[in-house]
Amino acid sequence: MTDQMNARESDSPDLAGSLSAADTARFAKEFSAGSVNRLMQNAVAKTTVDDVALDRSIVTSIDHSMSNVLTDRKVTNQEKSGRCWLFAGVNLLRTGAAQKLKVKDFEFSQNHLLFWDKLEKANHFLEAMIDMVDRDIDDRTVAYLLDEPISDGGQWNMFIALVRKHGLVPKSAMPETQSSSNTRAMNRALTQLLRKAARDLRAARAAGADLDGLREAKEDVLQSAYRILTIHLGTPPEQAFWQWTDEDKEFHRDGALSPLEFAERYVTLPLEDYVCLVHDPRESSIQGRTYTVEYLGNVVGAPPVTYLNVSIDMLRELAMTTIVGGEPVWFGCDTGKMSNGDIGMWDAALYDYDGVYSTELGVSKADRLVLHDSLMTHAMLFVGVDVVDGKPRKWRVENSWGEERGDKGLWTMNDNWFDQYVFEIAVRRQLLPDDLQQALDAEPIVLPAWDPMGALAR
């Protein structure tokens, strides 16, 4: 009788493709027959799978020494916020500022840039809602932006836009607050405000409001956003009174400087010369072409967030050349993959998950992008490289997660990890070959708002 019932069930169109009792019985039998399966089960019962899968031969083969190291300064800490891109940006700029000030450690205010980034992003989101006010609320782009109206993330071009428009101040002029270090509550209030504003803008349009009317309504929302930000982050200074003592115990005073004046005085790098390069190996992407992502940005009216797609070998060569030349490199990557925070290391084969599960899990870098298995999640700074026979063997990385992880907050990246999980760098334009410099001037191909090349801003 049972065999007849199973036969009837398998023939039933309602049960076609369902998981059957026979399937699970076979799975259990095959699992029990494998001694490695039982061994892994016993190990993972009392130990994390990462500790079981960690390849000790890789851990012991690599130390933190480098042939080229640019700095040993104290690292910064973004705490419970997604401001990595801002931290990486100001950490790049603080190198030259510290040299000019003749001090070892100096920090620009990350909170100052966070304030203006949030206000600019609020305006950017509202402008996007006005632009799409006649689209259906379930339109994929509208829905995607409503899913996260304002986030902590960002891109290199967005960092440059903030510095150009709002300048910089020393950390003492606008120090961290509880909310800059833990942005959750502030973001919740801003998200509610902006979603409500999106609803109201659509209602106003339905009632006949024109563009001027919608932008007039937007101003009231921005006033509320400014109030929320000021409560959480403090009031951004119009001027910073700046004085300091250098490493030779000599006292200096510059007096009151506006944020733009402070940036002009202490940003020693030519920011207008920097370009953003990515490695996007998907079949739909073209090397040597520029790209942008729809509705990606923070400052309305700033140059669009634009990337030039190049080979991973080009990224590697330019990053190495820049570091050997004495300058750190801002970069974006998928930091959580094959990563160990206790020892501060990345290696593409750091964990043998395939061996633990007796299953091949990995796919190519291109497929990981297509299948939503990889994207840019974190920005940091390359501050060293270990060069052997003219090629990088490993990289020194300044993270913004405090001193508790890695080598006092500094991490080591094996070059095989660079291949697989580094996606983006910012370097000087003149380092590129002539043909790629010319390619930068082409009209960028527009990717949809949800494309993974814009993920760092989410």
Protein backbone atom coordinates (compact mmCIF):
# COMPACT_ATOMS: atom_id res chain seq x y z
CA MET A 1 0.00 0.00 0.00
CA THR A 2 2.81 2.44 0.92
CA ASP A 3 4.60 1.89 -2.40
CA GLN A 4 1.35 2.57 -4.26
CA MET A 5 0.78 5.78 -2.27
CA ASN A 6 4.32 7.02 -2.98
CA ALA A 7 3.81 6.24 -6.65
CA ARG A 8 0.56 8.20 -6.71
CA GLU A 9 2.23 11.13 -4.86
CA SER A 10 5.08 11.28 -7.35
CA ASP A 11 2.57 11.39 -10.21
CA SER A 12 0.52 14.17 -8.62
CA PRO A 13 1.11 17.54 -10.35
CA ASP A 14 0.64 19.31 -7.00
CA LEU A 15 3.63 17.40 -5.53
CA ALA A 16 5.93 17.50 -8.54
CA GLY A 17 9.34 18.77 -7.44
CA SER A 18 8.59 18.49 -3.72
CA LEU A 19 11.10 17.13 -1.21
CA SER A 20 10.08 13.56 -0.45
CA ALA A 21 10.68 11.30 2.51
CA ALA A 22 12.71 9.03 0.23
CA ASP A 23 14.99 11.96 -0.61
CA THR A 24 15.72 12.85 3.02
CA ALA A 25 16.24 9.20 3.96
CA ARG A 26 18.84 8.89 1.20
CA PHE A 27 20.54 12.12 2.30
CA ALA A 28 20.76 10.87 5.90
CA LYS A 29 22.18 7.50 4.82
CA GLU A 30 24.84 9.13 2.64
CA PHE A 31 25.80 11.52 5.44
CA SER A 32 26.18 8.73 8.01
CA ALA A 33 28.30 6.70 5.62
CA GLY A 34 30.92 9.45 5.38
CA SER A 35 33.48 9.47 8.21
CA VAL A 36 34.56 13.03 7.32
CA ASN A 37 30.94 14.21 7.64
CA ARG A 38 30.68 12.78 11.16
CA LEU A 39 34.05 14.22 12.11
CA MET A 40 33.03 17.70 10.91
CA GLN A 41 29.70 17.43 12.73
CA ASN A 42 31.49 16.63 15.98
CA ALA A 43 33.97 19.47 15.48
CA VAL A 44 31.39 22.14 14.64
CA ALA A 45 29.19 21.10 17.57
CA LYS A 46 31.69 22.73 19.97
CA THR A 47 33.75 25.01 17.69
CA THR A 48 32.84 27.69 15.18
CA VAL A 49 32.97 26.54 11.59
CA ASP A 50 35.46 29.33 10.83
CA ASP A 51 37.90 27.98 13.42
CA VAL A 52 37.51 24.47 12.02
CA ALA A 53 37.98 25.62 8.41
CA LEU A 54 40.87 28.04 9.10
CA ASP A 55 43.95 26.92 7.17
CA ARG A 56 46.77 27.13 9.71
CA SER A 57 49.44 26.75 7.04
CA ILE A 58 48.32 30.08 5.54
CA VAL A 59 48.18 31.79 8.93
CA THR A 60 51.71 30.70 9.86
CA SER A 61 53.19 31.46 6.45
CA ILE A 62 52.45 35.18 6.52
CA ASP A 63 53.58 37.91 8.92
CA HIS A 64 52.83 41.64 8.93
CA SER A 65 56.24 42.80 7.64
CA MET A 66 56.40 44.78 4.37
CA SER A 67 59.14 46.07 2.10
CA ASN A 68 57.33 49.40 1.70
CA VAL A 69 55.42 50.90 4.66
CA LEU A 70 54.18 54.48 4.69
CA THR A 71 52.94 55.01 8.23
CA ASP A 72 52.74 53.47 11.69
CA ARG A 73 50.32 56.04 13.12
CA LYS A 74 47.43 55.23 15.42
CA VAL A 75 44.39 53.94 13.52
CA THR A 76 40.93 55.49 13.68
CA ASN A 77 37.63 53.90 14.67
CA GLN A 78 34.32 54.35 12.87
CA GLU A 79 32.58 52.49 15.74
CA LYS A 80 29.03 51.33 14.96
CA SER A 81 28.59 53.30 11.77
CA GLY A 82 29.04 52.71 8.05
CA ARG A 83 31.37 55.65 7.51
CA CYS A 84 34.31 53.57 6.22
CA TRP A 85 34.53 55.54 2.96
CA LEU A 86 34.71 58.84 4.86
CA PHE A 87 37.31 57.49 7.27
CA ALA A 88 39.38 56.09 4.43
CA GLY A 89 39.16 59.45 2.65
CA VAL A 90 40.23 61.60 5.60
CA ASN A 91 42.88 59.02 6.53
CA LEU A 92 44.35 59.56 3.08
CA LEU A 93 44.31 63.33 3.55
CA ARG A 94 45.60 63.27 7.12
CA THR A 95 48.92 61.85 5.89
CA GLY A 96 49.91 65.08 4.19
CA ALA A 97 48.29 67.25 6.85
CA ALA A 98 50.30 65.57 9.61
CA GLN A 99 53.49 66.10 7.63
CA LYS A 100 52.68 69.78 7.12
CA LEU A 101 51.81 70.22 10.79
CA LYS A 102 54.93 68.25 11.80
CA VAL A 103 52.93 65.91 14.05
CA LYS A 104 52.64 62.13 14.07
CA ASP A 105 48.91 61.83 14.65
CA PHE A 106 46.28 64.20 13.30
CA GLU A 107 42.62 63.64 12.45
CA PHE A 108 40.16 65.69 10.46
CA SER A 109 36.65 65.64 11.92
CA GLN A 110 34.76 62.67 10.53
CA ASN A 111 31.62 63.93 12.27
CA HIS A 112 31.74 67.19 10.30
CA LEU A 113 31.66 65.32 7.00
CA LEU A 114 28.99 62.92 8.30
CA PHE A 115 26.69 65.86 9.09
CA TRP A 116 26.95 67.36 5.64
CA ASP A 117 26.79 64.00 3.91
CA LYS A 118 23.49 63.20 5.64
CA LEU A 119 21.95 66.57 4.79
CA GLU A 120 23.15 66.38 1.20
CA LYS A 121 21.87 62.80 0.89
CA ALA A 122 18.47 63.88 2.19
CA ASN A 123 18.30 66.52 -0.54
CA HIS A 124 19.59 64.04 -3.13
CA PHE A 125 16.90 61.51 -2.21
CA LEU A 126 14.13 64.12 -2.31
CA GLU A 127 15.28 65.32 -5.72
CA ALA A 128 15.16 61.70 -6.92
CA MET A 129 11.61 61.37 -5.59
CA ILE A 130 10.63 64.58 -7.38
CA ASP A 131 12.26 63.32 -10.58
CA MET A 132 10.26 60.07 -10.37
CA VAL A 133 7.11 61.54 -8.84
CA ASP A 134 4.95 60.39 -11.76
CA ARG A 135 6.18 56.79 -11.67
CA ASP A 136 4.22 54.05 -9.95
CA ILE A 137 5.14 53.55 -6.29
CA ASP A 138 6.05 49.94 -7.15
CA ASP A 139 8.45 51.01 -9.89
CA ARG A 140 11.65 49.08 -9.19
CA THR A 141 13.88 52.15 -8.91
CA VAL A 142 11.42 54.03 -6.68
CA ALA A 143 11.01 50.96 -4.48
CA TYR A 144 14.78 50.43 -4.30
CA LEU A 145 15.41 53.98 -3.11
CA LEU A 146 12.54 53.86 -0.63
CA ASP A 147 13.99 50.68 0.83
CA GLU A 148 16.92 52.71 2.19
CA PRO A 149 16.41 56.46 1.69
CA ILE A 150 19.57 57.40 3.58
CA SER A 151 22.57 55.30 4.53
CA ASP A 152 26.04 55.74 6.00
CA GLY A 153 27.82 54.44 2.89
CA GLY A 154 29.44 56.30 0.06
CA GLN A 155 31.95 56.35 -2.77
CA TRP A 156 35.19 58.17 -3.52
CA ASN A 157 33.53 60.79 -5.75
CA MET A 158 30.99 61.47 -3.00
CA PHE A 159 33.82 62.09 -0.53
CA ILE A 160 35.45 64.55 -2.93
CA ALA A 161 32.11 66.33 -3.45
CA LEU A 162 31.76 66.89 0.30
CA VAL A 163 35.29 68.23 0.75
CA ARG A 164 34.91 70.59 -2.19
CA LYS A 165 31.61 72.00 -0.99
CA HIS A 166 31.87 71.87 2.82
CA GLY A 167 35.58 71.74 3.53
CA LEU A 168 37.22 70.14 6.54
CA VAL A 169 37.85 70.96 10.19
CA PRO A 170 40.12 69.41 12.82
CA LYS A 171 38.49 66.73 14.95
CA SER A 172 38.62 69.02 17.98
CA ALA A 173 36.27 71.48 16.23
CA MET A 174 33.49 68.91 15.77
CA PRO A 175 34.28 65.78 17.79
CA GLU A 176 32.43 62.49 17.75
CA THR A 177 29.07 62.15 19.47
CA GLN A 178 27.17 59.07 20.58
CA SER A 179 25.15 59.25 17.36
CA SER A 180 28.10 59.68 15.02
CA SER A 181 29.61 56.56 16.57
CA ASN A 182 26.30 54.69 16.50
CA THR A 183 24.12 56.05 13.70
CA ARG A 184 21.17 53.66 14.07
CA ALA A 185 18.71 55.91 15.93
CA MET A 186 19.54 58.98 13.84
CA ASN A 187 19.15 57.02 10.61
CA ARG A 188 15.81 55.65 11.79
CA ALA A 189 14.44 59.16 12.33
CA LEU A 190 15.79 60.41 8.99
CA THR A 191 14.42 57.37 7.17
CA GLN A 192 10.94 57.93 8.57
CA LEU A 193 11.10 61.62 7.69
CA LEU A 194 12.17 60.97 4.11
CA ARG A 195 9.66 58.21 3.43
CA LYS A 196 6.88 60.43 4.72
CA ALA A 197 8.20 63.23 2.52
CA ALA A 198 8.14 60.92 -0.51
CA ARG A 199 4.48 60.18 0.20
CA ASP A 200 3.66 63.87 0.59
CA LEU A 201 5.47 64.86 -2.59
CA ARG A 202 3.50 62.28 -4.57
CA ALA A 203 0.26 63.52 -3.00
CA ALA A 204 1.14 67.13 -3.83
CA ARG A 205 1.85 66.15 -7.43
CA ALA A 206 -1.47 64.32 -7.67
CA ALA A 207 -3.14 67.51 -6.42
CA GLY A 208 -1.55 69.51 -9.24
CA ALA A 209 1.71 70.85 -7.76
CA ASP A 210 4.37 71.83 -10.30
CA LEU A 211 8.14 71.51 -9.91
CA ASP A 212 8.46 74.78 -8.02
CA GLY A 213 5.75 73.70 -5.62
CA LEU A 214 7.40 70.35 -4.99
CA ARG A 215 10.75 71.97 -4.28
CA GLU A 216 9.11 74.44 -1.93
CA ALA A 217 7.68 71.51 0.01
CA LYS A 218 11.11 69.90 -0.01
CA GLU A 219 12.62 72.86 1.86
CA ASP A 220 10.46 72.19 4.92
CA VAL A 221 11.65 68.59 4.98
CA LEU A 222 15.29 69.66 4.76
CA GLN A 223 14.74 72.05 7.67
CA SER A 224 13.52 69.10 9.73
CA ALA A 225 16.46 66.97 8.59
CA TYR A 226 18.87 69.73 9.63
CA ARG A 227 17.21 69.85 13.06
CA ILE A 228 17.50 66.08 13.52
CA LEU A 229 21.13 66.09 12.46
CA THR A 230 22.03 68.98 14.73
CA ILE A 231 20.41 67.25 17.71
CA HIS A 232 22.37 64.06 17.04
CA LEU A 233 25.68 65.35 15.72
CA GLY A 234 26.01 68.93 16.94
CA THR A 235 26.14 72.19 15.03
CA PRO A 236 28.77 72.26 12.29
CA PRO A 237 31.25 75.09 12.95
CA GLU A 238 31.40 78.09 10.66
CA GLN A 239 34.98 78.60 11.80
CA ALA A 240 37.59 76.59 13.67
CA PHE A 241 40.18 78.33 15.83
CA TRP A 242 43.28 76.29 15.15
CA GLN A 243 46.50 76.12 17.14
CA TRP A 244 48.83 73.22 17.93
CA THR A 245 52.25 72.14 19.20
CA ASP A 246 54.43 70.11 16.84
CA GLU A 247 56.76 67.20 17.60
CA ASP A 248 59.62 69.63 18.26
CA LYS A 249 57.50 71.25 21.00
CA GLU A 250 57.10 74.39 18.89
CA PHE A 251 53.76 76.18 19.25
CA HIS A 252 51.79 77.36 16.19
CA ARG A 253 48.57 79.34 15.72
CA ASP A 254 46.60 79.82 12.52
CA GLY A 255 43.61 81.45 14.21
CA ALA A 256 40.04 81.22 12.93
CA LEU A 257 39.60 79.38 9.64
CA SER A 258 36.44 78.44 7.80
CA PRO A 259 36.11 74.77 6.84
CA LEU A 260 36.92 75.61 3.22
CA GLU A 261 39.96 77.64 4.29
CA PHE A 262 41.12 74.83 6.55
CA ALA A 263 40.80 72.32 3.72
CA GLU A 264 42.64 74.60 1.32
CA ARG A 265 45.48 74.99 3.80
CA TYR A 266 45.89 71.39 4.93
CA VAL A 267 44.81 69.19 2.02
CA THR A 268 48.13 68.61 0.31
CA LEU A 269 46.89 66.26 -2.41
CA PRO A 270 45.42 67.54 -5.72
CA LEU A 271 41.96 65.98 -5.33
CA GLU A 272 40.87 67.11 -8.79
CA ASP A 273 43.55 64.82 -10.27
CA TYR A 274 42.11 61.63 -8.77
CA VAL A 275 39.96 59.16 -10.68
CA CYS A 276 38.05 56.07 -9.60
CA LEU A 277 38.89 52.74 -11.20
CA VAL A 278 36.98 49.49 -10.79
CA HIS A 279 37.46 45.89 -11.78
CA ASP A 280 34.11 44.55 -12.97
CA PRO A 281 34.66 41.20 -14.71
CA ARG A 282 31.02 40.52 -15.64
CA GLU A 283 30.36 39.67 -19.28
CA SER A 284 28.05 42.67 -19.54
CA SER A 285 30.86 45.05 -18.53
CA ILE A 286 33.47 46.43 -20.88
CA GLN A 287 37.06 47.13 -19.91
CA GLY A 288 38.19 50.60 -20.84
CA ARG A 289 34.68 52.07 -20.54
CA THR A 290 33.31 54.51 -18.00
CA TYR A 291 30.22 53.72 -15.94
CA THR A 292 27.92 55.45 -13.51
CA VAL A 293 25.03 54.20 -11.37
CA GLU A 294 21.61 55.78 -11.63
CA TYR A 295 20.68 58.01 -8.66
CA LEU A 296 24.01 57.33 -6.93
CA GLY A 297 25.46 60.34 -5.16
CA ASN A 298 25.05 62.79 -2.32
CA VAL A 299 25.64 66.39 -3.48
CA VAL A 300 23.12 67.51 -6.10
CA GLY A 301 25.00 69.35 -8.84
CA ALA A 302 28.36 67.68 -8.14
CA PRO A 303 30.06 65.67 -10.90
CA PRO A 304 28.47 62.22 -11.22
CA VAL A 305 29.96 59.19 -9.51
CA THR A 306 31.92 57.76 -12.44
CA TYR A 307 34.14 54.68 -12.72
CA LEU A 308 36.55 53.47 -15.35
CA ASN A 309 36.49 49.67 -15.68
CA VAL A 310 39.99 48.19 -16.00
CA SER A 311 41.71 44.84 -15.46
CA ILE A 312 42.64 43.62 -11.99
CA ASP A 313 46.29 43.70 -13.11
CA MET A 314 45.92 47.40 -13.83
CA LEU A 315 44.45 48.03 -10.36
CA ARG A 316 47.33 46.09 -8.80
CA GLU A 317 50.04 47.87 -10.77
CA LEU A 318 48.69 51.36 -10.09
CA ALA A 319 48.15 50.69 -6.39
CA MET A 320 51.69 49.31 -6.03
CA THR A 321 53.22 52.21 -7.99
CA THR A 322 51.38 54.76 -5.87
CA ILE A 323 52.46 53.22 -2.56
CA VAL A 324 56.09 52.77 -3.63
CA GLY A 325 55.93 56.43 -4.66
CA GLY A 326 55.06 57.38 -1.09
CA GLU A 327 51.28 57.82 -1.16
CA PRO A 328 48.49 55.67 0.37
CA VAL A 329 45.65 54.34 -1.81
CA TRP A 330 41.91 54.50 -1.06
CA PHE A 331 40.16 51.27 -2.09
CA GLY A 332 36.85 49.39 -1.88
CA CYS A 333 36.43 45.65 -1.38
CA ASP A 334 34.22 42.82 -0.12
CA THR A 335 35.83 42.71 3.30
CA GLY A 336 33.85 39.88 4.90
CA LYS A 337 35.02 37.18 2.53
CA MET A 338 37.96 34.96 3.60
CA SER A 339 38.73 37.35 6.46
CA ASN A 340 39.97 36.85 10.02
CA GLY A 341 39.66 39.82 12.35
CA ASP A 342 41.60 38.34 15.26
CA ILE A 343 44.82 38.12 13.27
CA GLY A 344 43.92 40.87 10.76
CA MET A 345 44.38 38.85 7.58
CA TRP A 346 42.75 38.26 4.21
CA ASP A 347 43.67 35.35 1.96
CA ALA A 348 41.56 33.89 -0.86
CA ALA A 349 42.01 30.37 0.58
CA LEU A 350 42.05 31.27 4.28
CA TYR A 351 39.13 28.93 5.06
CA ASP A 352 38.65 25.46 3.60
CA TYR A 353 34.86 25.44 3.65
CA ASP A 354 34.79 23.00 0.73
CA GLY A 355 36.73 20.52 2.86
CA VAL A 356 34.45 20.99 5.87
CA TYR A 357 31.27 20.45 3.88
CA SER A 358 32.67 18.11 1.21
CA THR A 359 30.99 20.44 -1.26
CA GLU A 360 32.40 22.88 -3.80
CA LEU A 361 30.97 26.28 -2.90
CA GLY A 362 33.09 28.79 -4.80
CA VAL A 363 32.35 30.53 -8.09
CA SER A 364 34.26 33.10 -10.12
CA LYS A 365 34.49 36.77 -9.20
CA ALA A 366 32.20 37.62 -12.11
CA ASP A 367 29.63 35.03 -11.10
CA ARG A 368 29.67 36.24 -7.49
CA LEU A 369 28.63 39.69 -8.72
CA VAL A 370 25.92 38.30 -10.99
CA LEU A 371 24.58 35.94 -8.31
CA HIS A 372 24.51 38.59 -5.55
CA ASP A 373 27.23 36.73 -3.63
CA SER A 374 29.77 39.56 -3.66
CA LEU A 375 29.81 43.34 -3.73
CA MET A 376 31.74 46.25 -2.28
CA THR A 377 31.08 46.39 1.46
CA HIS A 378 33.99 48.35 2.92
CA ALA A 379 36.54 51.05 2.05
CA MET A 380 40.01 51.27 3.56
CA LEU A 381 43.50 52.54 2.84
CA PHE A 382 46.53 50.71 1.46
CA VAL A 383 49.52 52.00 3.44
CA GLY A 384 52.13 49.42 2.49
CA VAL A 385 53.07 46.75 0.00
CA ASP A 386 55.55 43.85 0.08
CA VAL A 387 57.24 43.78 -3.33
CA VAL A 388 59.16 40.71 -4.50
CA ASP A 389 60.82 40.72 -7.95
CA GLY A 390 58.77 43.75 -8.95
CA LYS A 391 55.41 42.25 -8.01
CA PRO A 392 53.27 42.65 -4.86
CA ARG A 393 53.17 39.63 -2.55
CA LYS A 394 50.98 41.16 0.16
CA TRP A 395 49.52 44.50 1.19
CA ARG A 396 49.43 46.56 4.39
CA VAL A 397 45.96 47.96 5.11
CA GLU A 398 44.91 50.69 7.50
CA ASN A 399 41.42 49.83 8.68
CA SER A 400 39.03 52.05 10.66
CA TRP A 401 37.88 49.48 13.21
CA GLY A 402 40.10 50.53 16.12
CA GLU A 403 43.27 48.95 17.50
CA GLU A 404 41.74 45.77 18.91
CA ARG A 405 41.84 43.82 15.63
CA GLY A 406 44.83 42.84 13.56
CA ASP A 407 48.23 44.37 14.24
CA LYS A 408 46.96 47.33 16.30
CA GLY A 409 44.31 47.96 13.66
CA LEU A 410 46.57 47.33 10.66
CA TRP A 411 45.77 44.29 8.50
CA THR A 412 47.65 42.13 6.00
CA MET A 413 46.13 41.22 2.64
CA ASN A 414 47.69 38.47 0.57
CA ASP A 415 47.79 39.33 -3.11
CA ASN A 416 45.53 36.42 -4.09
CA TRP A 417 42.75 38.10 -2.06
CA PHE A 418 43.33 41.35 -3.97
CA ASP A 419 42.50 39.45 -7.18
CA GLN A 420 39.21 38.09 -5.88
CA TYR A 421 37.73 40.71 -3.57
CA VAL A 422 39.21 44.15 -4.34
CA PHE A 423 36.95 46.06 -6.73
CA GLU A 424 37.89 49.74 -6.66
CA ILE A 425 40.77 52.18 -6.11
CA ALA A 426 41.27 55.94 -6.40
CA VAL A 427 44.55 57.08 -8.00
CA ARG A 428 45.98 60.01 -9.86
CA ARG A 429 44.81 60.27 -13.44
CA GLN A 430 48.30 60.80 -14.87
CA LEU A 431 49.38 57.32 -13.75
CA LEU A 432 47.06 55.74 -16.31
CA PRO A 433 48.20 54.87 -19.85
CA ASP A 434 47.23 57.47 -22.46
CA ASP A 435 44.40 55.38 -23.91
CA LEU A 436 42.73 54.98 -20.50
CA GLN A 437 43.15 58.67 -19.74
CA GLN A 438 41.27 59.43 -22.95
CA ALA A 439 38.63 56.83 -22.08
CA LEU A 440 37.85 58.74 -18.86
CA ASP A 441 36.31 61.51 -20.94
CA ALA A 442 33.73 59.26 -22.62
CA GLU A 443 30.05 59.52 -21.69
CA PRO A 444 29.52 56.88 -18.98
CA ILE A 445 27.22 53.90 -19.41
CA VAL A 446 24.40 54.18 -16.86
CA LEU A 447 23.87 51.14 -14.64
CA PRO A 448 20.61 50.67 -12.69
CA ALA A 449 20.39 51.96 -9.13
CA TRP A 450 20.62 48.45 -7.66
CA ASP A 451 23.80 47.44 -9.55
CA PRO A 452 26.51 46.02 -7.22
CA MET A 453 29.01 48.61 -8.44
CA GLY A 454 27.09 51.13 -6.34
CA ALA A 455 26.85 48.92 -3.27
CA LEU A 456 29.51 50.72 -1.22
CA ALA A 457 27.13 53.67 -0.95
CA ARG A 458 24.44 51.47 0.59
